[in-house]
Amino acid sequence: ETSDIRKIFDEQLKKCKVDYFDFYMAHNINKNTYDAYKNTKMHEELLKLKKEGKIKYVGFSFHGTPEILKEVVAEGNWDFCQLQVNYLDWDVVKAREQYEIVQQKGIPVTVMEPLRGGGLVNLTPKALEELNKAYPDTPPAEFGLRWAASRKNVITVLSGMSNLEQVKQNIATFEKYQDMTEDEEKLADKIAKI
């Protein structure tokens, strides 16, 4: 129900003990949730809350097909979106196509799954060999995070971390951050194919 949106939103404000949210998303839009998203007029309701000053930036997280994404972005007035962007999914699950759809609409991207749930940290032996041969001092996590952050329309990269060492490694990656070189981009394609 449309009326539930405001009720749930007000409960969230209360639980978080704040008067507004800086970033607020319609979460997990996909083929199974899209009808409910449309029927509840989620986008309209979030824009009303933004107009009231209760949200500064309205966004959405997306897990669907490019066709559904085109419909979502056509509504306009999105401040950001969250997409699964990594060098393996770039072609495997059409992340490139999704990224290009939002980029054309000028919607900045927050990256989720830049390391594909750890899959791009635990590379196959052959893939790891290729990375180590070209860049022996670059850990797979750093390589994957930098690849995601190098997309020009990305405003932040989210990464799951399981321990303090991973937190430190990720901070170190971005303290010395540099965009990927053309050679590194080619290597990422090669590793993804492996």
N, C-alpha and C. Protein backbone atom coordinates (compact mmCIF):
# COMPACT_ATOMS: atom_id res chain seq x y z
N GLU A 1 0.83 -1.19 0.00
CA GLU A 1 0.00 0.00 0.00
C GLU A 1 0.88 1.26 0.00
N THR A 2 0.42 2.25 -0.72
CA THR A 2 1.15 3.52 -0.77
C THR A 2 1.26 4.14 0.62
N SER A 3 0.20 4.03 1.42
CA SER A 3 0.22 4.64 2.76
C SER A 3 1.25 4.00 3.68
N ASP A 4 1.64 2.75 3.39
CA ASP A 4 2.64 2.07 4.21
C ASP A 4 4.03 2.69 4.06
N ILE A 5 4.28 3.30 2.91
CA ILE A 5 5.60 3.87 2.65
C ILE A 5 5.93 4.93 3.71
N ARG A 6 5.02 5.87 3.91
CA ARG A 6 5.25 6.93 4.88
C ARG A 6 5.32 6.37 6.31
N LYS A 7 4.47 5.41 6.59
CA LYS A 7 4.46 4.81 7.93
C LYS A 7 5.81 4.14 8.22
N ILE A 8 6.29 3.34 7.28
CA ILE A 8 7.57 2.65 7.43
C ILE A 8 8.71 3.67 7.50
N PHE A 9 8.63 4.68 6.66
CA PHE A 9 9.66 5.71 6.64
C PHE A 9 9.73 6.43 7.99
N ASP A 10 8.59 6.81 8.54
CA ASP A 10 8.56 7.50 9.83
C ASP A 10 9.11 6.61 10.95
N GLU A 11 8.81 5.31 10.87
CA GLU A 11 9.38 4.37 11.86
C GLU A 11 10.90 4.32 11.74
N GLN A 12 11.40 4.35 10.51
CA GLN A 12 12.85 4.32 10.31
C GLN A 12 13.51 5.57 10.87
N LEU A 13 12.90 6.73 10.63
CA LEU A 13 13.44 7.97 11.19
C LEU A 13 13.52 7.87 12.71
N LYS A 14 12.45 7.38 13.29
CA LYS A 14 12.37 7.28 14.76
C LYS A 14 13.43 6.31 15.30
N LYS A 15 13.55 5.14 14.67
CA LYS A 15 14.53 4.15 15.11
C LYS A 15 15.97 4.68 14.99
N CYS A 16 16.22 5.45 13.97
CA CYS A 16 17.56 5.99 13.75
C CYS A 16 17.78 7.30 14.52
N LYS A 17 16.71 7.81 15.13
CA LYS A 17 16.79 9.04 15.92
C LYS A 17 17.32 10.22 15.11
N VAL A 18 16.77 10.37 13.89
CA VAL A 18 17.14 11.48 13.02
C VAL A 18 15.88 12.13 12.45
N ASP A 19 16.05 13.33 11.92
CA ASP A 19 14.93 14.06 11.33
C ASP A 19 14.84 13.87 9.82
N TYR A 20 15.94 13.40 9.22
CA TYR A 20 15.98 13.18 7.78
C TYR A 20 17.08 12.17 7.46
N PHE A 21 17.05 11.65 6.22
CA PHE A 21 18.11 10.78 5.73
C PHE A 21 18.84 11.50 4.60
N ASP A 22 20.16 11.40 4.59
CA ASP A 22 20.92 11.99 3.49
C ASP A 22 20.65 11.20 2.20
N PHE A 23 20.84 9.88 2.26
CA PHE A 23 20.64 9.01 1.10
C PHE A 23 19.58 7.97 1.45
N TYR A 24 18.59 7.83 0.58
CA TYR A 24 17.51 6.87 0.83
C TYR A 24 17.17 6.18 -0.48
N MET A 25 17.07 4.84 -0.42
CA MET A 25 16.85 4.08 -1.65
C MET A 25 15.57 3.24 -1.62
N ALA A 26 14.96 3.13 -2.77
CA ALA A 26 13.99 2.07 -3.01
C ALA A 26 14.87 0.85 -3.26
N HIS A 27 14.74 -0.16 -2.43
CA HIS A 27 15.69 -1.27 -2.43
C HIS A 27 15.26 -2.44 -3.30
N ASN A 28 16.23 -3.00 -4.03
CA ASN A 28 16.09 -4.28 -4.70
C ASN A 28 14.99 -4.29 -5.77
N ILE A 29 15.02 -3.33 -6.67
CA ILE A 29 14.07 -3.35 -7.78
C ILE A 29 14.52 -4.43 -8.77
N ASN A 30 13.61 -5.34 -9.09
CA ASN A 30 13.88 -6.42 -10.03
C ASN A 30 12.56 -6.91 -10.60
N LYS A 31 12.57 -7.98 -11.40
CA LYS A 31 11.34 -8.44 -12.04
C LYS A 31 10.30 -8.89 -11.03
N ASN A 32 10.73 -9.38 -9.86
CA ASN A 32 9.77 -9.85 -8.84
C ASN A 32 9.19 -8.72 -8.00
N THR A 33 9.89 -7.60 -7.91
CA THR A 33 9.45 -6.49 -7.05
C THR A 33 8.92 -5.30 -7.84
N TYR A 34 9.14 -5.29 -9.15
CA TYR A 34 8.83 -4.11 -9.94
C TYR A 34 7.36 -3.73 -9.92
N ASP A 35 6.46 -4.70 -10.01
CA ASP A 35 5.03 -4.37 -9.99
C ASP A 35 4.63 -3.73 -8.67
N ALA A 36 5.12 -4.27 -7.56
CA ALA A 36 4.80 -3.69 -6.25
C ALA A 36 5.38 -2.28 -6.15
N TYR A 37 6.58 -2.10 -6.67
CA TYR A 37 7.22 -0.78 -6.69
C TYR A 37 6.34 0.22 -7.44
N LYS A 38 5.85 -0.18 -8.63
CA LYS A 38 5.00 0.72 -9.42
C LYS A 38 3.65 0.94 -8.75
N ASN A 39 3.02 -0.14 -8.29
CA ASN A 39 1.67 -0.04 -7.73
C ASN A 39 1.59 0.80 -6.46
N THR A 40 2.66 0.83 -5.69
CA THR A 40 2.67 1.64 -4.46
C THR A 40 3.09 3.07 -4.73
N LYS A 41 3.43 3.36 -5.98
CA LYS A 41 3.89 4.71 -6.35
C LYS A 41 5.10 5.12 -5.51
N MET A 42 6.00 4.18 -5.33
CA MET A 42 7.18 4.37 -4.50
C MET A 42 7.96 5.62 -4.89
N HIS A 43 8.23 5.77 -6.17
CA HIS A 43 9.03 6.91 -6.62
C HIS A 43 8.37 8.23 -6.26
N GLU A 44 7.08 8.34 -6.53
CA GLU A 44 6.35 9.58 -6.20
C GLU A 44 6.41 9.87 -4.70
N GLU A 45 6.23 8.84 -3.90
CA GLU A 45 6.24 9.03 -2.45
C GLU A 45 7.61 9.47 -1.94
N LEU A 46 8.66 8.89 -2.49
CA LEU A 46 10.00 9.28 -2.08
C LEU A 46 10.30 10.73 -2.49
N LEU A 47 9.81 11.13 -3.66
CA LEU A 47 10.02 12.52 -4.08
C LEU A 47 9.24 13.49 -3.19
N LYS A 48 8.07 13.09 -2.71
CA LYS A 48 7.33 13.93 -1.75
C LYS A 48 8.13 14.10 -0.47
N LEU A 49 8.71 13.00 0.02
CA LEU A 49 9.52 13.06 1.23
C LEU A 49 10.76 13.94 1.02
N LYS A 50 11.31 13.89 -0.17
CA LYS A 50 12.45 14.75 -0.48
C LYS A 50 12.02 16.22 -0.46
N LYS A 51 10.89 16.50 -1.06
CA LYS A 51 10.38 17.88 -1.11
C LYS A 51 10.13 18.41 0.31
N GLU A 52 9.75 17.52 1.21
CA GLU A 52 9.51 17.90 2.60
C GLU A 52 10.81 18.04 3.40
N GLY A 53 11.94 17.71 2.78
CA GLY A 53 13.23 17.82 3.45
C GLY A 53 13.59 16.61 4.30
N LYS A 54 12.86 15.51 4.14
CA LYS A 54 13.13 14.32 4.94
C LYS A 54 14.13 13.38 4.26
N ILE A 55 14.40 13.64 2.98
CA ILE A 55 15.42 12.90 2.22
C ILE A 55 16.19 13.94 1.41
N LYS A 56 17.51 13.84 1.43
CA LYS A 56 18.31 14.76 0.60
C LYS A 56 18.52 14.20 -0.81
N TYR A 57 18.84 12.88 -0.88
CA TYR A 57 19.13 12.26 -2.17
C TYR A 57 18.33 10.96 -2.30
N VAL A 58 17.52 10.88 -3.34
CA VAL A 58 16.66 9.71 -3.56
C VAL A 58 17.31 8.80 -4.60
N GLY A 59 17.40 7.52 -4.26
CA GLY A 59 18.00 6.56 -5.17
C GLY A 59 17.28 5.23 -5.16
N PHE A 60 17.89 4.27 -5.84
CA PHE A 60 17.34 2.92 -5.87
C PHE A 60 18.48 1.93 -6.04
N SER A 61 18.27 0.73 -5.51
CA SER A 61 19.21 -0.35 -5.80
C SER A 61 18.53 -1.29 -6.78
N PHE A 62 19.32 -1.84 -7.68
CA PHE A 62 18.74 -2.56 -8.80
C PHE A 62 19.38 -3.92 -8.98
N HIS A 63 18.52 -4.93 -9.24
CA HIS A 63 18.99 -6.30 -9.45
C HIS A 63 18.22 -6.96 -10.61
N GLY A 64 17.82 -6.16 -11.57
CA GLY A 64 16.97 -6.69 -12.64
C GLY A 64 17.61 -6.64 -14.01
N THR A 65 16.75 -6.67 -15.01
CA THR A 65 17.20 -6.67 -16.41
C THR A 65 17.33 -5.24 -16.93
N PRO A 66 18.12 -5.06 -17.97
CA PRO A 66 18.23 -3.73 -18.57
C PRO A 66 16.87 -3.15 -18.99
N GLU A 67 15.96 -4.02 -19.42
CA GLU A 67 14.65 -3.53 -19.86
C GLU A 67 13.89 -2.87 -18.70
N ILE A 68 13.90 -3.50 -17.54
CA ILE A 68 13.24 -2.91 -16.36
C ILE A 68 13.97 -1.65 -15.93
N LEU A 69 15.29 -1.68 -15.97
CA LEU A 69 16.07 -0.51 -15.58
C LEU A 69 15.72 0.69 -16.43
N LYS A 70 15.52 0.49 -17.71
CA LYS A 70 15.13 1.60 -18.60
C LYS A 70 13.82 2.23 -18.14
N GLU A 71 12.88 1.40 -17.70
CA GLU A 71 11.60 1.93 -17.20
C GLU A 71 11.79 2.72 -15.92
N VAL A 72 12.62 2.20 -15.02
CA VAL A 72 12.85 2.86 -13.73
C VAL A 72 13.50 4.23 -13.94
N VAL A 73 14.55 4.29 -14.76
CA VAL A 73 15.23 5.57 -14.94
C VAL A 73 14.41 6.56 -15.75
N ALA A 74 13.47 6.06 -16.54
CA ALA A 74 12.62 6.95 -17.33
C ALA A 74 11.74 7.84 -16.45
N GLU A 75 11.51 7.41 -15.21
CA GLU A 75 10.71 8.23 -14.30
C GLU A 75 11.41 9.53 -13.96
N GLY A 76 12.73 9.53 -14.06
CA GLY A 76 13.50 10.74 -13.80
C GLY A 76 13.60 11.08 -12.33
N ASN A 77 14.30 12.18 -12.05
CA ASN A 77 14.45 12.70 -10.69
C ASN A 77 15.15 11.75 -9.74
N TRP A 78 16.03 10.91 -10.24
CA TRP A 78 16.84 10.06 -9.37
C TRP A 78 18.16 10.77 -9.12
N ASP A 79 18.60 10.77 -7.86
CA ASP A 79 19.87 11.39 -7.51
C ASP A 79 21.03 10.41 -7.60
N PHE A 80 20.77 9.12 -7.47
CA PHE A 80 21.79 8.10 -7.55
C PHE A 80 21.13 6.74 -7.66
N CYS A 81 21.93 5.73 -8.00
CA CYS A 81 21.44 4.35 -7.99
C CYS A 81 22.57 3.44 -7.52
N GLN A 82 22.21 2.25 -7.15
CA GLN A 82 23.20 1.26 -6.70
C GLN A 82 23.12 0.06 -7.64
N LEU A 83 24.24 -0.25 -8.29
CA LEU A 83 24.30 -1.35 -9.24
C LEU A 83 25.43 -2.30 -8.88
N GLN A 84 25.28 -3.55 -9.29
CA GLN A 84 26.35 -4.54 -9.15
C GLN A 84 27.31 -4.34 -10.32
N VAL A 85 28.50 -3.82 -10.00
CA VAL A 85 29.48 -3.50 -11.03
C VAL A 85 30.83 -4.08 -10.63
N ASN A 86 31.31 -5.01 -11.45
CA ASN A 86 32.65 -5.56 -11.27
C ASN A 86 33.11 -6.08 -12.63
N TYR A 87 34.39 -6.37 -12.74
CA TYR A 87 34.91 -6.70 -14.07
C TYR A 87 34.48 -8.07 -14.58
N LEU A 88 33.95 -8.93 -13.74
CA LEU A 88 33.42 -10.20 -14.22
C LEU A 88 31.97 -10.02 -14.72
N ASP A 89 31.17 -9.34 -13.92
CA ASP A 89 29.75 -9.14 -14.29
C ASP A 89 29.56 -8.10 -15.37
N TRP A 90 30.61 -7.37 -15.72
CA TRP A 90 30.52 -6.32 -16.72
C TRP A 90 29.84 -6.85 -17.98
N ASP A 91 30.19 -8.05 -18.40
CA ASP A 91 29.54 -8.66 -19.56
C ASP A 91 28.67 -9.85 -19.18
N VAL A 92 29.04 -10.59 -18.13
CA VAL A 92 28.32 -11.82 -17.76
C VAL A 92 26.86 -11.54 -17.41
N VAL A 93 26.60 -10.52 -16.59
CA VAL A 93 25.21 -10.22 -16.21
C VAL A 93 24.77 -8.84 -16.69
N LYS A 94 25.40 -8.39 -17.78
CA LYS A 94 25.02 -7.13 -18.44
C LYS A 94 25.19 -5.90 -17.56
N ALA A 95 26.18 -5.92 -16.66
CA ALA A 95 26.44 -4.75 -15.82
C ALA A 95 26.83 -3.55 -16.67
N ARG A 96 27.58 -3.79 -17.74
CA ARG A 96 27.98 -2.69 -18.62
C ARG A 96 26.74 -1.99 -19.21
N GLU A 97 25.81 -2.79 -19.69
CA GLU A 97 24.60 -2.22 -20.29
C GLU A 97 23.81 -1.42 -19.25
N GLN A 98 23.69 -1.96 -18.05
CA GLN A 98 22.98 -1.25 -16.99
C GLN A 98 23.70 0.05 -16.63
N TYR A 99 25.01 -0.02 -16.50
CA TYR A 99 25.80 1.16 -16.18
C TYR A 99 25.60 2.24 -17.25
N GLU A 100 25.62 1.84 -18.50
CA GLU A 100 25.45 2.80 -19.60
C GLU A 100 24.06 3.42 -19.61
N ILE A 101 23.05 2.65 -19.24
CA ILE A 101 21.68 3.18 -19.17
C ILE A 101 21.60 4.33 -18.16
N VAL A 102 22.14 4.12 -16.97
CA VAL A 102 22.05 5.18 -15.95
C VAL A 102 23.01 6.32 -16.27
N GLN A 103 24.15 6.01 -16.86
CA GLN A 103 25.10 7.06 -17.23
C GLN A 103 24.48 8.01 -18.25
N GLN A 104 23.76 7.45 -19.23
CA GLN A 104 23.11 8.29 -20.24
C GLN A 104 22.07 9.22 -19.62
N LYS A 105 21.49 8.80 -18.52
CA LYS A 105 20.49 9.63 -17.83
C LYS A 105 21.13 10.55 -16.78
N GLY A 106 22.46 10.46 -16.63
CA GLY A 106 23.15 11.31 -15.68
C GLY A 106 22.94 10.91 -14.23
N ILE A 107 22.65 9.64 -13.99
CA ILE A 107 22.42 9.14 -12.63
C ILE A 107 23.72 8.53 -12.11
N PRO A 108 24.32 9.12 -11.06
CA PRO A 108 25.56 8.57 -10.51
C PRO A 108 25.34 7.19 -9.89
N VAL A 109 26.41 6.41 -9.84
CA VAL A 109 26.33 5.02 -9.39
C VAL A 109 27.11 4.80 -8.10
N THR A 110 26.46 4.12 -7.17
CA THR A 110 27.10 3.54 -6.01
C THR A 110 27.27 2.07 -6.35
N VAL A 111 28.48 1.56 -6.25
CA VAL A 111 28.77 0.18 -6.66
C VAL A 111 28.57 -0.78 -5.50
N MET A 112 27.81 -1.85 -5.76
CA MET A 112 27.74 -2.97 -4.83
C MET A 112 28.41 -4.16 -5.50
N GLU A 113 28.91 -5.07 -4.70
CA GLU A 113 29.57 -6.29 -5.18
C GLU A 113 30.76 -6.02 -6.12
N PRO A 114 31.64 -5.07 -5.75
CA PRO A 114 32.78 -4.82 -6.63
C PRO A 114 33.75 -6.01 -6.70
N LEU A 115 33.68 -6.88 -5.69
CA LEU A 115 34.54 -8.07 -5.67
C LEU A 115 33.73 -9.35 -5.82
N ARG A 116 32.49 -9.19 -6.22
CA ARG A 116 31.58 -10.30 -6.50
C ARG A 116 31.53 -11.31 -5.35
N GLY A 117 31.25 -10.79 -4.15
CA GLY A 117 31.13 -11.65 -2.98
C GLY A 117 32.40 -12.40 -2.64
N GLY A 118 33.54 -11.84 -2.98
CA GLY A 118 34.83 -12.49 -2.71
C GLY A 118 35.35 -13.29 -3.89
N GLY A 119 34.52 -13.50 -4.90
CA GLY A 119 34.95 -14.28 -6.06
C GLY A 119 36.12 -13.68 -6.81
N LEU A 120 36.24 -12.35 -6.77
CA LEU A 120 37.35 -11.70 -7.47
C LEU A 120 38.56 -11.51 -6.55
N VAL A 121 38.44 -12.00 -5.33
CA VAL A 121 39.58 -12.04 -4.42
C VAL A 121 40.19 -13.43 -4.49
N ASN A 122 39.34 -14.43 -4.55
CA ASN A 122 39.77 -15.84 -4.63
C ASN A 122 39.76 -16.29 -6.09
N LEU A 123 40.69 -15.72 -6.85
CA LEU A 123 40.76 -16.02 -8.28
C LEU A 123 41.20 -17.46 -8.52
N THR A 124 40.88 -17.97 -9.69
CA THR A 124 41.38 -19.29 -10.08
C THR A 124 42.90 -19.22 -10.17
N PRO A 125 43.59 -20.34 -10.02
CA PRO A 125 45.06 -20.30 -10.10
C PRO A 125 45.59 -19.63 -11.37
N LYS A 126 44.98 -19.93 -12.51
CA LYS A 126 45.44 -19.34 -13.78
C LYS A 126 45.20 -17.83 -13.80
N ALA A 127 44.05 -17.38 -13.30
CA ALA A 127 43.75 -15.94 -13.27
C ALA A 127 44.72 -15.23 -12.32
N LEU A 128 44.96 -15.83 -11.16
CA LEU A 128 45.88 -15.24 -10.19
C LEU A 128 47.30 -15.17 -10.76
N GLU A 129 47.68 -16.19 -11.50
CA GLU A 129 48.99 -16.20 -12.15
C GLU A 129 49.14 -15.02 -13.11
N GLU A 130 48.09 -14.76 -13.89
CA GLU A 130 48.11 -13.64 -14.84
C GLU A 130 48.26 -12.30 -14.11
N LEU A 131 47.51 -12.12 -13.02
CA LEU A 131 47.60 -10.89 -12.24
C LEU A 131 49.00 -10.73 -11.64
N ASN A 132 49.50 -11.81 -11.02
CA ASN A 132 50.81 -11.75 -10.38
C ASN A 132 51.95 -11.53 -11.38
N LYS A 133 51.80 -12.08 -12.58
CA LYS A 133 52.82 -11.91 -13.61
C LYS A 133 52.89 -10.44 -14.04
N ALA A 134 51.74 -9.81 -14.20
CA ALA A 134 51.71 -8.42 -14.67
C ALA A 134 51.93 -7.41 -13.53
N TYR A 135 51.34 -7.69 -12.37
CA TYR A 135 51.39 -6.74 -11.24
C TYR A 135 51.59 -7.52 -9.95
N PRO A 136 52.83 -7.95 -9.69
CA PRO A 136 53.09 -8.82 -8.53
C PRO A 136 52.78 -8.20 -7.17
N ASP A 137 52.75 -6.88 -7.09
CA ASP A 137 52.49 -6.22 -5.81
C ASP A 137 51.03 -5.79 -5.65
N THR A 138 50.16 -6.21 -6.55
CA THR A 138 48.75 -5.81 -6.50
C THR A 138 47.88 -6.98 -6.06
N PRO A 139 47.32 -6.91 -4.85
CA PRO A 139 46.40 -7.98 -4.41
C PRO A 139 45.12 -7.97 -5.25
N PRO A 140 44.49 -9.12 -5.42
CA PRO A 140 43.26 -9.19 -6.21
C PRO A 140 42.17 -8.24 -5.72
N ALA A 141 42.04 -8.05 -4.42
CA ALA A 141 41.00 -7.14 -3.90
C ALA A 141 41.26 -5.72 -4.37
N GLU A 142 42.49 -5.28 -4.29
CA GLU A 142 42.84 -3.93 -4.75
C GLU A 142 42.53 -3.76 -6.23
N PHE A 143 42.90 -4.77 -7.00
CA PHE A 143 42.67 -4.73 -8.45
C PHE A 143 41.17 -4.58 -8.75
N GLY A 144 40.35 -5.37 -8.09
CA GLY A 144 38.90 -5.32 -8.31
C GLY A 144 38.27 -4.02 -7.84
N LEU A 145 38.68 -3.53 -6.69
CA LEU A 145 38.13 -2.27 -6.17
C LEU A 145 38.50 -1.10 -7.07
N ARG A 146 39.76 -1.08 -7.50
CA ARG A 146 40.18 0.01 -8.40
C ARG A 146 39.46 -0.07 -9.73
N TRP A 147 39.22 -1.28 -10.21
CA TRP A 147 38.50 -1.41 -11.48
C TRP A 147 37.11 -0.78 -11.35
N ALA A 148 36.40 -1.12 -10.29
CA ALA A 148 35.05 -0.57 -10.10
C ALA A 148 35.08 0.94 -9.93
N ALA A 149 36.01 1.43 -9.14
CA ALA A 149 36.10 2.87 -8.89
C ALA A 149 36.53 3.66 -10.11
N SER A 150 37.15 3.00 -11.08
CA SER A 150 37.62 3.69 -12.28
C SER A 150 36.51 4.00 -13.28
N ARG A 151 35.32 3.46 -13.08
CA ARG A 151 34.21 3.82 -13.97
C ARG A 151 33.87 5.29 -13.66
N LYS A 152 33.75 6.10 -14.67
CA LYS A 152 33.64 7.56 -14.51
C LYS A 152 32.37 8.02 -13.81
N ASN A 153 31.33 7.24 -13.85
CA ASN A 153 30.05 7.65 -13.27
C ASN A 153 29.86 7.12 -11.84
N VAL A 154 30.92 6.56 -11.25
CA VAL A 154 30.84 5.97 -9.92
C VAL A 154 31.15 7.03 -8.86
N ILE A 155 30.25 7.12 -7.85
CA ILE A 155 30.49 8.07 -6.77
C ILE A 155 31.03 7.39 -5.51
N THR A 156 30.77 6.11 -5.35
CA THR A 156 31.34 5.37 -4.22
C THR A 156 31.32 3.88 -4.52
N VAL A 157 32.21 3.17 -3.85
CA VAL A 157 32.30 1.72 -4.01
C VAL A 157 32.10 1.10 -2.63
N LEU A 158 31.11 0.24 -2.52
CA LEU A 158 30.82 -0.47 -1.28
C LEU A 158 31.49 -1.83 -1.33
N SER A 159 32.10 -2.23 -0.24
CA SER A 159 32.75 -3.53 -0.22
C SER A 159 32.49 -4.21 1.11
N GLY A 160 32.04 -5.45 1.04
CA GLY A 160 31.88 -6.23 2.26
C GLY A 160 33.24 -6.60 2.82
N MET A 161 33.39 -6.50 4.11
CA MET A 161 34.65 -6.84 4.75
C MET A 161 34.36 -7.72 5.96
N SER A 162 35.17 -8.76 6.13
CA SER A 162 34.91 -9.75 7.18
C SER A 162 35.81 -9.63 8.40
N ASN A 163 36.88 -8.85 8.27
CA ASN A 163 37.79 -8.72 9.41
C ASN A 163 38.56 -7.41 9.29
N LEU A 164 39.28 -7.07 10.35
CA LEU A 164 40.01 -5.80 10.40
C LEU A 164 41.08 -5.72 9.32
N GLU A 165 41.72 -6.82 9.00
CA GLU A 165 42.76 -6.81 7.96
C GLU A 165 42.17 -6.38 6.61
N GLN A 166 40.98 -6.87 6.28
CA GLN A 166 40.33 -6.48 5.03
C GLN A 166 39.97 -5.00 5.05
N VAL A 167 39.53 -4.50 6.19
CA VAL A 167 39.23 -3.07 6.31
C VAL A 167 40.50 -2.26 6.01
N LYS A 168 41.61 -2.66 6.62
CA LYS A 168 42.87 -1.95 6.42
C LYS A 168 43.32 -2.01 4.96
N GLN A 169 43.17 -3.18 4.32
CA GLN A 169 43.56 -3.32 2.92
C GLN A 169 42.72 -2.40 2.02
N ASN A 170 41.41 -2.36 2.29
CA ASN A 170 40.55 -1.51 1.47
C ASN A 170 40.86 -0.03 1.65
N ILE A 171 41.13 0.36 2.87
CA ILE A 171 41.51 1.77 3.13
C ILE A 171 42.80 2.09 2.39
N ALA A 172 43.77 1.18 2.46
CA ALA A 172 45.05 1.40 1.77
C ALA A 172 44.85 1.53 0.26
N THR A 173 43.94 0.75 -0.29
CA THR A 173 43.66 0.83 -1.73
C THR A 173 43.23 2.23 -2.12
N PHE A 174 42.39 2.83 -1.32
CA PHE A 174 41.85 4.13 -1.69
C PHE A 174 42.70 5.30 -1.20
N GLU A 175 43.58 5.06 -0.26
CA GLU A 175 44.52 6.11 0.14
C GLU A 175 45.54 6.38 -0.97
N LYS A 176 45.90 5.32 -1.71
CA LYS A 176 46.87 5.48 -2.81
C LYS A 176 46.19 5.29 -4.17
N TYR A 177 44.90 5.54 -4.22
CA TYR A 177 44.09 5.25 -5.40
C TYR A 177 44.59 5.92 -6.68
N GLN A 178 44.56 5.14 -7.76
CA GLN A 178 44.78 5.64 -9.10
C GLN A 178 43.82 4.90 -10.03
N ASP A 179 43.28 5.62 -11.03
CA ASP A 179 42.44 4.95 -12.02
C ASP A 179 43.22 3.84 -12.70
N MET A 180 42.49 2.87 -13.22
CA MET A 180 43.11 1.77 -13.95
C MET A 180 43.76 2.30 -15.23
N THR A 181 44.88 1.71 -15.58
CA THR A 181 45.54 2.03 -16.84
C THR A 181 44.88 1.20 -17.95
N GLU A 182 45.20 1.54 -19.18
CA GLU A 182 44.67 0.77 -20.31
C GLU A 182 45.13 -0.69 -20.24
N ASP A 183 46.38 -0.91 -19.85
CA ASP A 183 46.89 -2.28 -19.72
C ASP A 183 46.16 -3.04 -18.61
N GLU A 184 45.88 -2.37 -17.50
CA GLU A 184 45.14 -3.02 -16.42
C GLU A 184 43.72 -3.37 -16.86
N GLU A 185 43.10 -2.48 -17.63
CA GLU A 185 41.75 -2.76 -18.16
C GLU A 185 41.78 -4.01 -19.03
N LYS A 186 42.78 -4.13 -19.87
CA LYS A 186 42.91 -5.31 -20.73
C LYS A 186 43.12 -6.57 -19.90
N LEU A 187 43.91 -6.45 -18.85
CA LEU A 187 44.15 -7.59 -17.97
C LEU A 187 42.86 -8.01 -17.27
N ALA A 188 42.07 -7.04 -16.83
CA ALA A 188 40.79 -7.36 -16.17
C ALA A 188 39.89 -8.15 -17.12
N ASP A 189 39.85 -7.75 -18.39
CA ASP A 189 39.07 -8.51 -19.38
C ASP A 189 39.59 -9.93 -19.50
N LYS A 190 40.90 -10.07 -19.53
CA LYS A 190 41.52 -11.39 -19.68
C LYS A 190 41.20 -12.28 -18.45
N ILE A 191 41.35 -11.70 -17.26
CA ILE A 191 41.06 -12.45 -16.04
C ILE A 191 39.58 -12.86 -16.00
N ALA A 192 38.71 -11.95 -16.39
CA ALA A 192 37.27 -12.28 -16.41
C ALA A 192 36.99 -13.46 -17.33
N LYS A 193 37.64 -13.49 -18.46
CA LYS A 193 37.45 -14.60 -19.41
C LYS A 193 37.96 -15.93 -18.82
N ILE A 194 39.09 -15.85 -18.09
CA ILE A 194 39.65 -17.06 -17.47
C ILE A 194 38.65 -17.58 -16.45
